[in-house]
Amino acid sequence: MASQQHKYLKPEDIKKLRNYEFGAKALVEGYLSGRHRSRQRGSSTEFHEYRQYTPGDDPAMVDWRVYARSDRFYLKTFEQETNLECHIFVDSSASMGFRDAAELTKLEYASFFAACLSWLVIYKNDRVGLQLFDRDIRHHLPPGSTRKHLHSILDLLENNKPGSQTSLAESLKRAVPLIKRKGTIVILSDFFDSPEDIFKALNPYLHRGFRVHLFHVLDPSEIKLPDRGLSRFVDMETDENLIVHTTNLRQAWDQELQQHTRALRRLAASRLVDYTLIPTTESYHTLFDRLAH
């Protein structure tokens, strides 16, 4: 699959992913809920439980052997496997173009992650779609599961460039009518947005039963601000700049980041949303192993 050379999914990456088959199964089918269980009456893949007959149920589903023993009507219920539909959101705002202590920008790292995850989902015969956003949805690719579809995802990622200011909340609102079927949402972002606004915008998805995973992508120098003396700081989304001594800034920056990530973690935990902080120096196979276990 995907033998054509792509920036974010080279043949050597695919080889590693193929060798990762057990971990891939654990990640896609476990962490991402790649095999959703839905109760179905009638013939299906796996018996779930008995329940008592109620008027309106199909009499053909009555277990007559149980009736013979108990003189009561019971039906068998089953669990049926349905395919995962995964919707990946990649933050493509200007701040995602930042790189300092890492080899890759945050956008490049997120794109590698999205490419590998897309390959894994399709490899497991599931469906994956892609949304690129900054303050609005820039590109929307509905879910698919073919090799051609994977190439479309890779082409979009490869041609994507950091854009303008970010508004994840607004982008999530705009995407609601675009995402028709319940599934899994994966968001790759530096989350420089109000946590409260983000989770308010996630509510329509959570109410519809989506499973949501937040991957907080940061450069190591953002996680721990280095002491470099007098430095110029430039806001990549507004071009505003400030000259300040890092010794005076480090403590305030660390406190602000900790408060921000704590708010994201707290809101995520309260809504059964998965949250993972990722430094852009962590290899994707190490990350996938961490998630799968």
Foldseek 3Di string as FASTA:
>chain_A
DCCDAFPLCHPVNVVVLVVCLVLLCLCCCPLQVQWDKDKDFDDADAWDDKDFDDPPDDQVQWDVVVCVVVVGTIGIIGIHTDGAEEEEEQEQAQQQCDADPAPHGNLSLSLSLVLSNCCSSLVVVHWYWYFYFFQATPDTGGIDRDPVSSVVSRVCSRPGHHHAHHDLLNHLQRCVVVHDDAHEYEYRELPPDQLVSNVVSCVVNLVVPHAYEYENEDAVCQQFPDQDAWDKDADSRPRDIDTDGVVVVRVVSNVVVVVRVVSNVVSCVVSVHHYHYDHSRDDSVNVSSVSSD
